[in-house]
Amino acid sequence: MIYAAGQGDGDQRGLNHLAHEGLLKRVIGGYWALAPKLQQLAMENKILAYNLPQGVISHMYRDIAAHKPRTITAVGLGTFVDPRLGGGKMIG
């Protein structure tokens, strides 16, 4: 699953409905704070979890809609989302 913005209410709603062990394998998100149950699965290493810049994910959606083959950006280079420095992978 991939999402750009905070999808939830910080308690029970939104992506928390999908936070069941075995339901999701990989989640790429732009903002995790509003889905604490999903966070818990990530921190327990029960899902592969990545945190990427919200704006980059939004641009990727635009590029998909325009039938472009990929999104290339320098955003995040030198930070935790840099592929050389972990690629945004969240680990518990």
PDB file of N, CA and C in Angstrom:
ATOM      1  N   MET A   1       0.845  -1.145   0.000  1.00  0.00           N
ATOM      2  CA  MET A   1       0.000   0.000   0.000  1.00  0.00           C
ATOM      3  C   MET A   1       0.906   1.228   0.000  1.00  0.00           C
ATOM      4  N   ILE A   2       0.436   2.261  -0.672  1.00  0.00           N
ATOM      5  CA  ILE A   2       1.164   3.533  -0.670  1.00  0.00           C
ATOM      6  C   ILE A   2       0.166   4.664  -0.441  1.00  0.00           C
ATOM      7  N   TYR A   3       0.563   5.595   0.387  1.00  0.00           N
ATOM      8  CA  TYR A   3      -0.276   6.763   0.652  1.00  0.00           C
ATOM      9  C   TYR A   3       0.629   7.961   0.916  1.00  0.00           C
ATOM     10  N   ALA A   4       0.107   9.150   0.634  1.00  0.00           N
ATOM     11  CA  ALA A   4       0.927  10.345   0.755  1.00  0.00           C
ATOM     12  C   ALA A   4       0.729  11.077   2.076  1.00  0.00           C
ATOM     13  N   ALA A   5      -0.495  11.307   2.477  1.00  0.00           N
ATOM     14  CA  ALA A   5      -0.775  12.153   3.636  1.00  0.00           C
ATOM     15  C   ALA A   5      -1.248  11.310   4.819  1.00  0.00           C
ATOM     16  N   GLY A   6      -1.503  11.967   5.933  1.00  0.00           N
ATOM     17  CA  GLY A   6      -1.987  11.286   7.127  1.00  0.00           C
ATOM     18  C   GLY A   6      -3.391  10.764   6.916  1.00  0.00           C
ATOM     19  N   GLN A   7      -3.535   9.470   6.879  1.00  0.00           N
ATOM     20  CA  GLN A   7      -4.829   8.837   6.610  1.00  0.00           C
ATOM     21  C   GLN A   7      -5.368   8.200   7.878  1.00  0.00           C
ATOM     22  N   GLY A   8      -5.966   9.008   8.727  1.00  0.00           N
ATOM     23  CA  GLY A   8      -6.522   8.472   9.957  1.00  0.00           C
ATOM     24  C   GLY A   8      -6.870   9.582  10.922  1.00  0.00           C
ATOM     25  N   ASP A   9      -7.254   9.173  12.117  1.00  0.00           N
ATOM     26  CA  ASP A   9      -7.626  10.146  13.147  1.00  0.00           C
ATOM     27  C   ASP A   9      -6.718  10.047  14.362  1.00  0.00           C
ATOM     28  N   GLY A  10      -5.637   9.277  14.260  1.00  0.00           N
ATOM     29  CA  GLY A  10      -4.723   9.100  15.373  1.00  0.00           C
ATOM     30  C   GLY A  10      -5.229   8.115  16.406  1.00  0.00           C
ATOM     31  N   ASP A  11      -6.334   7.433  16.118  1.00  0.00           N
ATOM     32  CA  ASP A  11      -6.918   6.510  17.083  1.00  0.00           C
ATOM     33  C   ASP A  11      -7.400   5.231  16.400  1.00  0.00           C
ATOM     34  N   GLN A  12      -8.608   5.250  15.821  1.00  0.00           N
ATOM     35  CA  GLN A  12      -9.219   4.034  15.289  1.00  0.00           C
ATOM     36  C   GLN A  12      -9.499   4.058  13.794  1.00  0.00           C
ATOM     37  N   ARG A  13      -9.647   5.223  13.223  1.00  0.00           N
ATOM     38  CA  ARG A  13     -10.131   5.321  11.842  1.00  0.00           C
ATOM     39  C   ARG A  13      -9.008   5.302  10.812  1.00  0.00           C
ATOM     40  N   GLY A  14      -9.406   5.421   9.560  1.00  0.00           N
ATOM     41  CA  GLY A  14      -8.440   5.505   8.459  1.00  0.00           C
ATOM     42  C   GLY A  14      -7.679   4.211   8.260  1.00  0.00           C
ATOM     43  N   LEU A  15      -6.376   4.323   8.084  1.00  0.00           N
ATOM     44  CA  LEU A  15      -5.551   3.153   7.803  1.00  0.00           C
ATOM     45  C   LEU A  15      -5.474   2.173   8.955  1.00  0.00           C
ATOM     46  N   ASN A  16      -5.861   2.603  10.147  1.00  0.00           N
ATOM     47  CA  ASN A  16      -5.890   1.676  11.274  1.00  0.00           C
ATOM     48  C   ASN A  16      -6.804   0.489  10.999  1.00  0.00           C
ATOM     49  N   HIS A  17      -7.807   0.673  10.153  1.00  0.00           N
ATOM     50  CA  HIS A  17      -8.709  -0.429   9.797  1.00  0.00           C
ATOM     51  C   HIS A  17      -7.966  -1.552   9.067  1.00  0.00           C
ATOM     52  N   LEU A  18      -6.848  -1.219   8.430  1.00  0.00           N
ATOM     53  CA  LEU A  18      -6.088  -2.214   7.673  1.00  0.00           C
ATOM     54  C   LEU A  18      -4.934  -2.808   8.473  1.00  0.00           C
ATOM     55  N   ALA A  19      -4.778  -2.388   9.711  1.00  0.00           N
ATOM     56  CA  ALA A  19      -3.635  -2.803  10.522  1.00  0.00           C
ATOM     57  C   ALA A  19      -3.891  -4.153  11.204  1.00  0.00           C
ATOM     58  N   HIS A  20      -3.943  -5.185  10.384  1.00  0.00           N
ATOM     59  CA  HIS A  20      -4.100  -6.545  10.893  1.00  0.00           C
ATOM     60  C   HIS A  20      -2.927  -7.364  10.375  1.00  0.00           C
ATOM     61  N   GLU A  21      -2.297  -8.085  11.264  1.00  0.00           N
ATOM     62  CA  GLU A  21      -1.141  -8.876  10.883  1.00  0.00           C
ATOM     63  C   GLU A  21      -1.493  -9.822   9.739  1.00  0.00           C
ATOM     64  N   GLY A  22      -0.687  -9.793   8.676  1.00  0.00           N
ATOM     65  CA  GLY A  22      -0.893 -10.647   7.521  1.00  0.00           C
ATOM     66  C   GLY A  22      -1.695 -10.004   6.396  1.00  0.00           C
ATOM     67  N   LEU A  23      -2.380  -8.900   6.678  1.00  0.00           N
ATOM     68  CA  LEU A  23      -3.190  -8.251   5.643  1.00  0.00           C
ATOM     69  C   LEU A  23      -2.323  -7.437   4.681  1.00  0.00           C
ATOM     70  N   LEU A  24      -1.330  -6.736   5.205  1.00  0.00           N
ATOM     71  CA  LEU A  24      -0.431  -5.926   4.387  1.00  0.00           C
ATOM     72  C   LEU A  24       0.984  -6.485   4.470  1.00  0.00           C
ATOM     73  N   LYS A  25       1.695  -6.420   3.367  1.00  0.00           N
ATOM     74  CA  LYS A  25       3.088  -6.865   3.360  1.00  0.00           C
ATOM     75  C   LYS A  25       4.037  -5.674   3.397  1.00  0.00           C
ATOM     76  N   ARG A  26       3.735  -4.637   2.597  1.00  0.00           N
ATOM     77  CA  ARG A  26       4.620  -3.485   2.463  1.00  0.00           C
ATOM     78  C   ARG A  26       3.773  -2.219   2.459  1.00  0.00           C
ATOM     79  N   VAL A  27       4.218  -1.218   3.218  1.00  0.00           N
ATOM     80  CA  VAL A  27       3.519   0.065   3.274  1.00  0.00           C
ATOM     81  C   VAL A  27       4.529   1.177   3.065  1.00  0.00           C
ATOM     82  N   ILE A  28       4.216   2.065   2.131  1.00  0.00           N
ATOM     83  CA  ILE A  28       5.029   3.254   1.870  1.00  0.00           C
ATOM     84  C   ILE A  28       4.149   4.444   2.187  1.00  0.00           C
ATOM     85  N   GLY A  29       4.547   5.217   3.175  1.00  0.00           N
ATOM     86  CA  GLY A  29       3.716   6.334   3.612  1.00  0.00           C
ATOM     87  C   GLY A  29       4.479   7.630   3.706  1.00  0.00           C
ATOM     88  N   GLY A  30       3.736   8.717   3.590  1.00  0.00           N
ATOM     89  CA  GLY A  30       4.325  10.042   3.704  1.00  0.00           C
ATOM     90  C   GLY A  30       4.162  10.652   5.080  1.00  0.00           C
ATOM     91  N   TYR A  31       3.235  10.121   5.876  1.00  0.00           N
ATOM     92  CA  TYR A  31       2.988  10.640   7.221  1.00  0.00           C
ATOM     93  C   TYR A  31       2.334   9.535   8.033  1.00  0.00           C
ATOM     94  N   TRP A  32       3.006   9.074   9.053  1.00  0.00           N
ATOM     95  CA  TRP A  32       2.571   7.909   9.805  1.00  0.00           C
ATOM     96  C   TRP A  32       1.865   8.228  11.120  1.00  0.00           C
ATOM     97  N   ALA A  33       1.905   9.472  11.580  1.00  0.00           N
ATOM     98  CA  ALA A  33       1.449   9.804  12.932  1.00  0.00           C
ATOM     99  C   ALA A  33      -0.027   9.527  13.175  1.00  0.00           C
ATOM    100  N   LEU A  34      -0.860   9.549  12.157  1.00  0.00           N
ATOM    101  CA  LEU A  34      -2.294   9.372  12.353  1.00  0.00           C
ATOM    102  C   LEU A  34      -2.757   7.922  12.233  1.00  0.00           C
ATOM    103  N   ALA A  35      -1.820   7.002  12.104  1.00  0.00           N
ATOM    104  CA  ALA A  35      -2.167   5.576  12.009  1.00  0.00           C
ATOM    105  C   ALA A  35      -1.323   4.775  13.000  1.00  0.00           C
ATOM    106  N   PRO A  36      -1.581   4.921  14.297  1.00  0.00           N
ATOM    107  CA  PRO A  36      -0.741   4.262  15.302  1.00  0.00           C
ATOM    108  C   PRO A  36      -0.748   2.734  15.234  1.00  0.00           C
ATOM    109  N   LYS A  37      -1.839   2.129  14.832  1.00  0.00           N
ATOM    110  CA  LYS A  37      -1.869   0.663  14.733  1.00  0.00           C
ATOM    111  C   LYS A  37      -0.981   0.186  13.588  1.00  0.00           C
ATOM    112  N   LEU A  38      -0.953   0.949  12.504  1.00  0.00           N
ATOM    113  CA  LEU A  38      -0.065   0.631  11.390  1.00  0.00           C
ATOM    114  C   LEU A  38       1.391   0.839  11.814  1.00  0.00           C
ATOM    115  N   GLN A  39       1.642   1.895  12.569  1.00  0.00           N
ATOM    116  CA  GLN A  39       2.983   2.148  13.105  1.00  0.00           C
ATOM    117  C   GLN A  39       3.458   0.957  13.929  1.00  0.00           C
ATOM    118  N   GLN A  40       2.568   0.437  14.748  1.00  0.00           N
ATOM    119  CA  GLN A  40       2.929  -0.681  15.620  1.00  0.00           C
ATOM    120  C   GLN A  40       3.371  -1.891  14.809  1.00  0.00           C
ATOM    121  N   LEU A  41       2.644  -2.199  13.731  1.00  0.00           N
ATOM    122  CA  LEU A  41       3.054  -3.312  12.869  1.00  0.00           C
ATOM    123  C   LEU A  41       4.435  -3.062  12.281  1.00  0.00           C
ATOM    124  N   ALA A  42       4.701  -1.815  11.901  1.00  0.00           N
ATOM    125  CA  ALA A  42       6.011  -1.471  11.339  1.00  0.00           C
ATOM    126  C   ALA A  42       7.116  -1.636  12.382  1.00  0.00           C
ATOM    127  N   MET A  43       6.876  -1.146  13.583  1.00  0.00           N
ATOM    128  CA  MET A  43       7.899  -1.202  14.620  1.00  0.00           C
ATOM    129  C   MET A  43       8.151  -2.624  15.114  1.00  0.00           C
ATOM    130  N   GLU A  44       7.170  -3.489  14.963  1.00  0.00           N
ATOM    131  CA  GLU A  44       7.341  -4.898  15.325  1.00  0.00           C
ATOM    132  C   GLU A  44       7.863  -5.728  14.153  1.00  0.00           C
ATOM    133  N   ASN A  45       8.214  -5.052  13.052  1.00  0.00           N
ATOM    134  CA  ASN A  45       8.718  -5.704  11.835  1.00  0.00           C
ATOM    135  C   ASN A  45       7.745  -6.738  11.282  1.00  0.00           C
ATOM    136  N   LYS A  46       6.455  -6.480  11.415  1.00  0.00           N
ATOM    137  CA  LYS A  46       5.438  -7.368  10.861  1.00  0.00           C
ATOM    138  C   LYS A  46       5.034  -6.953   9.456  1.00  0.00           C
ATOM    139  N   ILE A  47       5.470  -5.762   9.048  1.00  0.00           N
ATOM    140  CA  ILE A  47       5.310  -5.285   7.666  1.00  0.00           C
ATOM    141  C   ILE A  47       6.603  -4.594   7.263  1.00  0.00           C
ATOM    142  N   LEU A  48       6.874  -4.558   5.984  1.00  0.00           N
ATOM    143  CA  LEU A  48       7.963  -3.732   5.473  1.00  0.00           C
ATOM    144  C   LEU A  48       7.418  -2.316   5.397  1.00  0.00           C
ATOM    145  N   ALA A  49       8.089  -1.375   6.018  1.00  0.00           N
ATOM    146  CA  ALA A  49       7.554  -0.018   6.114  1.00  0.00           C
ATOM    147  C   ALA A  49       8.595   0.999   5.671  1.00  0.00           C
ATOM    148  N   TYR A  50       8.136   1.970   4.893  1.00  0.00           N
ATOM    149  CA  TYR A  50       8.993   3.032   4.394  1.00  0.00           C
ATOM    150  C   TYR A  50       8.306   4.374   4.607  1.00  0.00           C
ATOM    151  N   ASN A  51       9.088   5.371   4.961  1.00  0.00           N
ATOM    152  CA  ASN A  51       8.587   6.729   5.130  1.00  0.00           C
ATOM    153  C   ASN A  51       9.272   7.601   4.086  1.00  0.00           C
ATOM    154  N   LEU A  52       8.516   8.073   3.111  1.00  0.00           N
ATOM    155  CA  LEU A  52       9.054   8.917   2.051  1.00  0.00           C
ATOM    156  C   LEU A  52       8.398  10.291   2.118  1.00  0.00           C
ATOM    157  N   PRO A  53       9.029  11.309   1.539  1.00  0.00           N
ATOM    158  CA  PRO A  53       8.437  12.647   1.577  1.00  0.00           C
ATOM    159  C   PRO A  53       7.051  12.684   0.922  1.00  0.00           C
ATOM    160  N   GLN A  54       6.126  13.296   1.629  1.00  0.00           N
ATOM    161  CA  GLN A  54       4.745  13.395   1.160  1.00  0.00           C
ATOM    162  C   GLN A  54       4.664  14.045  -0.218  1.00  0.00           C
ATOM    163  N   GLY A  55       5.422  15.085  -0.444  1.00  0.00           N
ATOM    164  CA  GLY A  55       5.395  15.775  -1.731  1.00  0.00           C
ATOM    165  C   GLY A  55       5.892  14.911  -2.872  1.00  0.00           C
ATOM    166  N   VAL A  56       6.904  14.099  -2.610  1.00  0.00           N
ATOM    167  CA  VAL A  56       7.437  13.213  -3.641  1.00  0.00           C
ATOM    168  C   VAL A  56       6.387  12.165  -4.011  1.00  0.00           C
ATOM    169  N   ILE A  57       5.691  11.620  -3.021  1.00  0.00           N
ATOM    170  CA  ILE A  57       4.638  10.650  -3.311  1.00  0.00           C
ATOM    171  C   ILE A  57       3.529  11.315  -4.126  1.00  0.00           C
ATOM    172  N   SER A  58       3.178  12.542  -3.801  1.00  0.00           N
ATOM    173  CA  SER A  58       2.151  13.266  -4.558  1.00  0.00           C
ATOM    174  C   SER A  58       2.578  13.475  -6.005  1.00  0.00           C
ATOM    175  N   HIS A  59       3.835  13.823  -6.210  1.00  0.00           N
ATOM    176  CA  HIS A  59       4.344  13.982  -7.583  1.00  0.00           C
ATOM    177  C   HIS A  59       4.351  12.644  -8.314  1.00  0.00           C
ATOM    178  N   MET A  60       4.618  11.564  -7.584  1.00  0.00           N
ATOM    179  CA  MET A  60       4.592  10.248  -8.204  1.00  0.00           C
ATOM    180  C   MET A  60       3.191   9.907  -8.697  1.00  0.00           C
ATOM    181  N   TYR A  61       2.166  10.242  -7.877  1.00  0.00           N
ATOM    182  CA  TYR A  61       0.781  10.035  -8.323  1.00  0.00           C
ATOM    183  C   TYR A  61       0.512  10.803  -9.623  1.00  0.00           C
ATOM    184  N   ARG A  62       0.980  12.046  -9.670  1.00  0.00           N
ATOM    185  CA  ARG A  62       0.784  12.863 -10.872  1.00  0.00           C
ATOM    186  C   ARG A  62       1.458  12.208 -12.072  1.00  0.00           C
ATOM    187  N   ASP A  63       2.684  11.727 -11.879  1.00  0.00           N
ATOM    188  CA  ASP A  63       3.407  11.096 -12.979  1.00  0.00           C
ATOM    189  C   ASP A  63       2.740   9.796 -13.430  1.00  0.00           C
ATOM    190  N   ILE A  64       2.186   9.055 -12.512  1.00  0.00           N
ATOM    191  CA  ILE A  64       1.453   7.838 -12.880  1.00  0.00           C
ATOM    192  C   ILE A  64       0.246   8.208 -13.740  1.00  0.00           C
ATOM    193  N   ALA A  65      -0.485   9.240 -13.324  1.00  0.00           N
ATOM    194  CA  ALA A  65      -1.667   9.670 -14.083  1.00  0.00           C
ATOM    195  C   ALA A  65      -1.292  10.156 -15.476  1.00  0.00           C
ATOM    196  N   ALA A  66      -0.087  10.713 -15.618  1.00  0.00           N
ATOM    197  CA  ALA A  66       0.383  11.208 -16.914  1.00  0.00           C
ATOM    198  C   ALA A  66       1.065  10.111 -17.734  1.00  0.00           C
ATOM    199  N   HIS A  67       1.047   8.881 -17.237  1.00  0.00           N
ATOM    200  CA  HIS A  67       1.663   7.727 -17.904  1.00  0.00           C
ATOM    201  C   HIS A  67       3.164   7.897 -18.092  1.00  0.00           C
ATOM    202  N   LYS A  68       3.801   8.598 -17.159  1.00  0.00           N
ATOM    203  CA  LYS A  68       5.261   8.713 -17.186  1.00  0.00           C
ATOM    204  C   LYS A  68       5.857   7.460 -16.559  1.00  0.00           C
ATOM    205  N   PRO A  69       7.042   7.049 -17.000  1.00  0.00           N
ATOM    206  CA  PRO A  69       7.598   5.780 -16.534  1.00  0.00           C
ATOM    207  C   PRO A  69       8.134   5.799 -15.106  1.00  0.00           C
ATOM    208  N   ARG A  70       8.438   6.986 -14.566  1.00  0.00           N
ATOM    209  CA  ARG A  70       9.025   7.045 -13.227  1.00  0.00           C
ATOM    210  C   ARG A  70       9.042   8.479 -12.720  1.00  0.00           C
ATOM    211  N   THR A  71       9.337   8.610 -11.440  1.00  0.00           N
ATOM    212  CA  THR A  71       9.532   9.917 -10.827  1.00  0.00           C
ATOM    213  C   THR A  71      10.969   9.969 -10.330  1.00  0.00           C
ATOM    214  N   ILE A  72      11.712  10.951 -10.785  1.00  0.00           N
ATOM    215  CA  ILE A  72      13.091  11.128 -10.355  1.00  0.00           C
ATOM    216  C   ILE A  72      13.196  12.477  -9.662  1.00  0.00           C
ATOM    217  N   THR A  73      13.781  12.481  -8.469  1.00  0.00           N
ATOM    218  CA  THR A  73      13.908  13.708  -7.704  1.00  0.00           C
ATOM    219  C   THR A  73      15.176  13.684  -6.866  1.00  0.00           C
ATOM    220  N   ALA A  74      15.658  14.856  -6.528  1.00  0.00           N
ATOM    221  CA  ALA A  74      16.801  14.983  -5.622  1.00  0.00           C
ATOM    222  C   ALA A  74      16.335  15.235  -4.185  1.00  0.00           C
ATOM    223  N   VAL A  75      15.024  15.340  -3.988  1.00  0.00           N
ATOM    224  CA  VAL A  75      14.487  15.585  -2.655  1.00  0.00           C
ATOM    225  C   VAL A  75      14.893  14.439  -1.730  1.00  0.00           C
ATOM    226  N   GLY A  76      15.415  14.760  -0.580  1.00  0.00           N
ATOM    227  CA  GLY A  76      15.780  13.765   0.411  1.00  0.00           C
ATOM    228  C   GLY A  76      17.200  13.256   0.334  1.00  0.00           C
ATOM    229  N   LEU A  77      17.956  13.645  -0.702  1.00  0.00           N
ATOM    230  CA  LEU A  77      19.344  13.195  -0.762  1.00  0.00           C
ATOM    231  C   LEU A  77      20.100  13.753   0.438  1.00  0.00           C
ATOM    232  N   GLY A  78      20.894  12.906   1.056  1.00  0.00           N
ATOM    233  CA  GLY A  78      21.633  13.298   2.249  1.00  0.00           C
ATOM    234  C   GLY A  78      20.832  13.142   3.538  1.00  0.00           C
ATOM    235  N   THR A  79      19.589  12.654   3.434  1.00  0.00           N
ATOM    236  CA  THR A  79      18.751  12.423   4.617  1.00  0.00           C
ATOM    237  C   THR A  79      18.469  10.929   4.743  1.00  0.00           C
ATOM    238  N   PHE A  80      17.627  10.564   5.700  1.00  0.00           N
ATOM    239  CA  PHE A  80      17.313   9.153   5.910  1.00  0.00           C
ATOM    240  C   PHE A  80      16.578   8.518   4.734  1.00  0.00           C
ATOM    241  N   VAL A  81      16.033   9.311   3.811  1.00  0.00           N
ATOM    242  CA  VAL A  81      15.359   8.731   2.649  1.00  0.00           C
ATOM    243  C   VAL A  81      16.292   8.537   1.460  1.00  0.00           C
ATOM    244  N   ASP A  82      17.525   8.977   1.597  1.00  0.00           N
ATOM    245  CA  ASP A  82      18.537   8.768   0.558  1.00  0.00           C
ATOM    246  C   ASP A  82      18.766   7.263   0.421  1.00  0.00           C
ATOM    247  N   PRO A  83      18.703   6.721  -0.802  1.00  0.00           N
ATOM    248  CA  PRO A  83      18.919   5.278  -0.989  1.00  0.00           C
ATOM    249  C   PRO A  83      20.254   4.788  -0.421  1.00  0.00           C
ATOM    250  N   ARG A  84      21.223   5.670  -0.346  1.00  0.00           N
ATOM    251  CA  ARG A  84      22.521   5.289   0.222  1.00  0.00           C
ATOM    252  C   ARG A  84      22.504   5.264   1.744  1.00  0.00           C
ATOM    253  N   LEU A  85      21.442   5.822   2.351  1.00  0.00           N
ATOM    254  CA  LEU A  85      21.360   5.934   3.814  1.00  0.00           C
ATOM    255  C   LEU A  85      20.114   5.262   4.368  1.00  0.00           C
ATOM    256  N   GLY A  86      19.626   4.239   3.722  1.00  0.00           N
ATOM    257  CA  GLY A  86      18.486   3.500   4.242  1.00  0.00           C
ATOM    258  C   GLY A  86      17.237   3.575   3.397  1.00  0.00           C
ATOM    259  N   GLY A  87      17.143   4.562   2.526  1.00  0.00           N
ATOM    260  CA  GLY A  87      16.009   4.648   1.613  1.00  0.00           C
ATOM    261  C   GLY A  87      14.656   4.836   2.272  1.00  0.00           C
ATOM    262  N   GLY A  88      14.619   5.407   3.461  1.00  0.00           N
ATOM    263  CA  GLY A  88      13.366   5.641   4.150  1.00  0.00           C
ATOM    264  C   GLY A  88      12.803   4.442   4.881  1.00  0.00           C
ATOM    265  N   LYS A  89      13.568   3.340   4.930  1.00  0.00           N
ATOM    266  CA  LYS A  89      13.070   2.134   5.582  1.00  0.00           C
ATOM    267  C   LYS A  89      12.932   2.366   7.083  1.00  0.00           C
ATOM    268  N   MET A  90      11.782   1.971   7.593  1.00  0.00           N
ATOM    269  CA  MET A  90      11.516   2.055   9.030  1.00  0.00           C
ATOM    270  C   MET A  90      11.798   0.687   9.619  1.00  0.00           C
ATOM    271  N   ILE A  91      12.551   0.661  10.693  1.00  0.00           N
ATOM    272  CA  ILE A  91      12.864  -0.617  11.339  1.00  0.00           C
ATOM    273  C   ILE A  91      12.555  -0.522  12.833  1.00  0.00           C
ATOM    274  N   GLY A  92      12.093  -1.611  13.377  1.00  0.00           N
ATOM    275  CA  GLY A  92      11.733  -1.649  14.789  1.00  0.00           C
ATOM    276  C   GLY A  92      12.864  -2.059  15.678  1.00  0.00           C
TER     277      GLY A  92
END
